[in-house]
């Protein structure tokens, strides 16, 4: 495994922010699919699998960011929060 601390800090922070954006997008898309499945009366097992999967993905992503350091973890969290705000804004525009 390569040593992440050997890379320059700005590159690590940028990569963690972009990873946080991707992580947040996957997390909140899975949350939306879970909610739609529950509302439409879909399979409870699918809703459970999506819930466990998105939580496992979030934990794994933040664990990788922790390995790169505290600032990298904050950058990844910032990416997730930016994605959340963008997706909430998008959902509000879609509803009348």
C-alpha atoms as a PDB file:
ATOM      1  CA  UNK A   1       0.000   0.000   0.000  1.00  0.00           C
ATOM      2  CA  UNK A   2       1.367   3.415  -0.901  1.00  0.00           C
ATOM      3  CA  UNK A   3       2.012   6.032   1.721  1.00  0.00           C
ATOM      4  CA  UNK A   4      -0.530   8.827   1.263  1.00  0.00           C
ATOM      5  CA  UNK A   5       1.423  11.199   3.456  1.00  0.00           C
ATOM      6  CA  UNK A   6       4.235  11.285   0.855  1.00  0.00           C
ATOM      7  CA  UNK A   7       1.955  13.238  -1.513  1.00  0.00           C
ATOM      8  CA  UNK A   8       1.707  17.040  -1.215  1.00  0.00           C
ATOM      9  CA  UNK A   9      -1.083  18.166   1.106  1.00  0.00           C
ATOM     10  CA  UNK A  10      -3.052  20.204  -1.491  1.00  0.00           C
ATOM     11  CA  UNK A  11      -3.270  17.156  -3.755  1.00  0.00           C
ATOM     12  CA  UNK A  12      -4.438  14.943  -0.889  1.00  0.00           C
ATOM     13  CA  UNK A  13      -7.092  17.487   0.116  1.00  0.00           C
ATOM     14  CA  UNK A  14      -8.324  17.898  -3.466  1.00  0.00           C
ATOM     15  CA  UNK A  15      -8.556  14.152  -3.961  1.00  0.00           C
ATOM     16  CA  UNK A  16     -10.389  13.693  -0.673  1.00  0.00           C
ATOM     17  CA  UNK A  17     -12.819  16.496  -1.534  1.00  0.00           C
ATOM     18  CA  UNK A  18     -13.539  14.932  -4.931  1.00  0.00           C
ATOM     19  CA  UNK A  19     -13.875  11.534  -3.278  1.00  0.00           C
ATOM     20  CA  UNK A  20     -16.298  13.073  -0.792  1.00  0.00           C
ATOM     21  CA  UNK A  21     -18.357  14.469  -3.668  1.00  0.00           C
ATOM     22  CA  UNK A  22     -18.562  11.016  -5.259  1.00  0.00           C
ATOM     23  CA  UNK A  23     -19.249   9.380  -1.903  1.00  0.00           C
ATOM     24  CA  UNK A  24     -22.009  11.864  -1.120  1.00  0.00           C
ATOM     25  CA  UNK A  25     -23.598  11.412  -4.522  1.00  0.00           C
ATOM     26  CA  UNK A  26     -23.675   7.633  -4.153  1.00  0.00           C
ATOM     27  CA  UNK A  27     -24.971   7.892  -0.576  1.00  0.00           C
ATOM     28  CA  UNK A  28     -27.800  10.303  -1.309  1.00  0.00           C
ATOM     29  CA  UNK A  29     -28.833   8.554  -4.539  1.00  0.00           C
ATOM     30  CA  UNK A  30     -29.125   5.323  -2.560  1.00  0.00           C
ATOM     31  CA  UNK A  31     -31.115   7.172   0.109  1.00  0.00           C
ATOM     32  CA  UNK A  32     -33.477   8.490  -2.549  1.00  0.00           C
ATOM     33  CA  UNK A  33     -33.915   4.995  -4.002  1.00  0.00           C
ATOM     34  CA  UNK A  34     -34.601   3.626  -0.520  1.00  0.00           C
ATOM     35  CA  UNK A  35     -37.259   6.276   0.137  1.00  0.00           C
ATOM     36  CA  UNK A  36     -38.894   5.685  -3.241  1.00  0.00           C
ATOM     37  CA  UNK A  37     -38.910   1.939  -2.615  1.00  0.00           C
ATOM     38  CA  UNK A  38     -40.583   2.384   0.761  1.00  0.00           C
ATOM     39  CA  UNK A  39     -43.190   4.849  -0.546  1.00  0.00           C
ATOM     40  CA  UNK A  40     -44.070   2.684  -3.538  1.00  0.00           C
ATOM     41  CA  UNK A  41     -44.443  -0.410  -1.393  1.00  0.00           C
ATOM     42  CA  UNK A  42     -41.406  -2.117  -2.854  1.00  0.00           C
ATOM     43  CA  UNK A  43     -39.397  -4.913  -1.385  1.00  0.00           C
ATOM     44  CA  UNK A  44     -38.387  -4.347   2.239  1.00  0.00           C
ATOM     45  CA  UNK A  45     -35.269  -6.449   1.634  1.00  0.00           C
ATOM     46  CA  UNK A  46     -34.167  -4.089  -1.142  1.00  0.00           C
ATOM     47  CA  UNK A  47     -34.682  -1.099   1.152  1.00  0.00           C
ATOM     48  CA  UNK A  48     -32.686  -2.821   3.897  1.00  0.00           C
ATOM     49  CA  UNK A  49     -29.892  -3.753   1.491  1.00  0.00           C
ATOM     50  CA  UNK A  50     -29.681  -0.191   0.167  1.00  0.00           C
ATOM     51  CA  UNK A  51     -29.567   1.191   3.703  1.00  0.00           C
ATOM     52  CA  UNK A  52     -26.824  -1.174   4.833  1.00  0.00           C
ATOM     53  CA  UNK A  53     -24.910  -0.683   1.590  1.00  0.00           C
ATOM     54  CA  UNK A  54     -24.922   3.100   1.746  1.00  0.00           C
ATOM     55  CA  UNK A  55     -23.843   3.097   5.395  1.00  0.00           C
ATOM     56  CA  UNK A  56     -21.032   0.650   4.648  1.00  0.00           C
ATOM     57  CA  UNK A  57     -19.919   2.798   1.711  1.00  0.00           C
ATOM     58  CA  UNK A  58     -19.882   5.922   3.876  1.00  0.00           C
ATOM     59  CA  UNK A  59     -17.911   4.215   6.641  1.00  0.00           C
ATOM     60  CA  UNK A  60     -15.377   2.797   4.165  1.00  0.00           C
ATOM     61  CA  UNK A  61     -14.930   6.148   2.444  1.00  0.00           C
ATOM     62  CA  UNK A  62     -14.395   8.030   5.687  1.00  0.00           C
ATOM     63  CA  UNK A  63     -12.021   5.324   6.910  1.00  0.00           C
ATOM     64  CA  UNK A  64      -9.863   5.816   3.829  1.00  0.00           C
ATOM     65  CA  UNK A  65      -9.900   9.561   4.457  1.00  0.00           C
ATOM     66  CA  UNK A  66      -8.855   9.005   8.089  1.00  0.00           C
ATOM     67  CA  UNK A  67      -5.824   7.104   6.848  1.00  0.00           C
ATOM     68  CA  UNK A  68      -4.752  10.255   4.995  1.00  0.00           C
ATOM     69  CA  UNK A  69      -5.130  12.444   8.095  1.00  0.00           C
ATOM     70  CA  UNK A  70      -7.514  14.773   9.870  1.00  0.00           C
ATOM     71  CA  UNK A  71      -7.543  17.490   7.207  1.00  0.00           C
ATOM     72  CA  UNK A  72      -8.265  14.901   4.547  1.00  0.00           C
ATOM     73  CA  UNK A  73     -11.212  13.651   6.597  1.00  0.00           C
ATOM     74  CA  UNK A  74     -12.558  17.199   6.844  1.00  0.00           C
ATOM     75  CA  UNK A  75     -12.133  17.639   3.080  1.00  0.00           C
ATOM     76  CA  UNK A  76     -14.065  14.422   2.418  1.00  0.00           C
ATOM     77  CA  UNK A  77     -16.804  15.528   4.816  1.00  0.00           C
ATOM     78  CA  UNK A  78     -16.979  18.884   3.047  1.00  0.00           C
ATOM     79  CA  UNK A  79     -17.449  17.056  -0.258  1.00  0.00           C
ATOM     80  CA  UNK A  80     -20.306  15.004   1.174  1.00  0.00           C
ATOM     81  CA  UNK A  81     -21.981  18.117   2.590  1.00  0.00           C
ATOM     82  CA  UNK A  82     -21.644  20.035  -0.689  1.00  0.00           C
ATOM     83  CA  UNK A  83     -23.235  17.121  -2.523  1.00  0.00           C
ATOM     84  CA  UNK A  84     -26.047  17.028   0.037  1.00  0.00           C
ATOM     85  CA  UNK A  85     -26.831  20.703  -0.411  1.00  0.00           C
ATOM     86  CA  UNK A  86     -26.773  20.398  -4.214  1.00  0.00           C
ATOM     87  CA  UNK A  87     -29.074  17.377  -4.200  1.00  0.00           C
ATOM     88  CA  UNK A  88     -31.511  19.007  -1.764  1.00  0.00           C
ATOM     89  CA  UNK A  89     -31.601  22.115  -3.942  1.00  0.00           C
ATOM     90  CA  UNK A  90     -32.224  19.946  -7.002  1.00  0.00           C
ATOM     91  CA  UNK A  91     -35.055  18.077  -5.242  1.00  0.00           C
ATOM     92  CA  UNK A  92     -36.709  21.339  -4.173  1.00  0.00           C
ATOM     93  CA  UNK A  93     -36.692  22.640  -7.750  1.00  0.00           C
ATOM     94  CA  UNK A  94     -38.289  19.425  -8.973  1.00  0.00           C
ATOM     95  CA  UNK A  95     -41.312  19.672  -6.676  1.00  0.00           C
ATOM     96  CA  UNK A  96     -44.101  22.202  -7.346  1.00  0.00           C
END
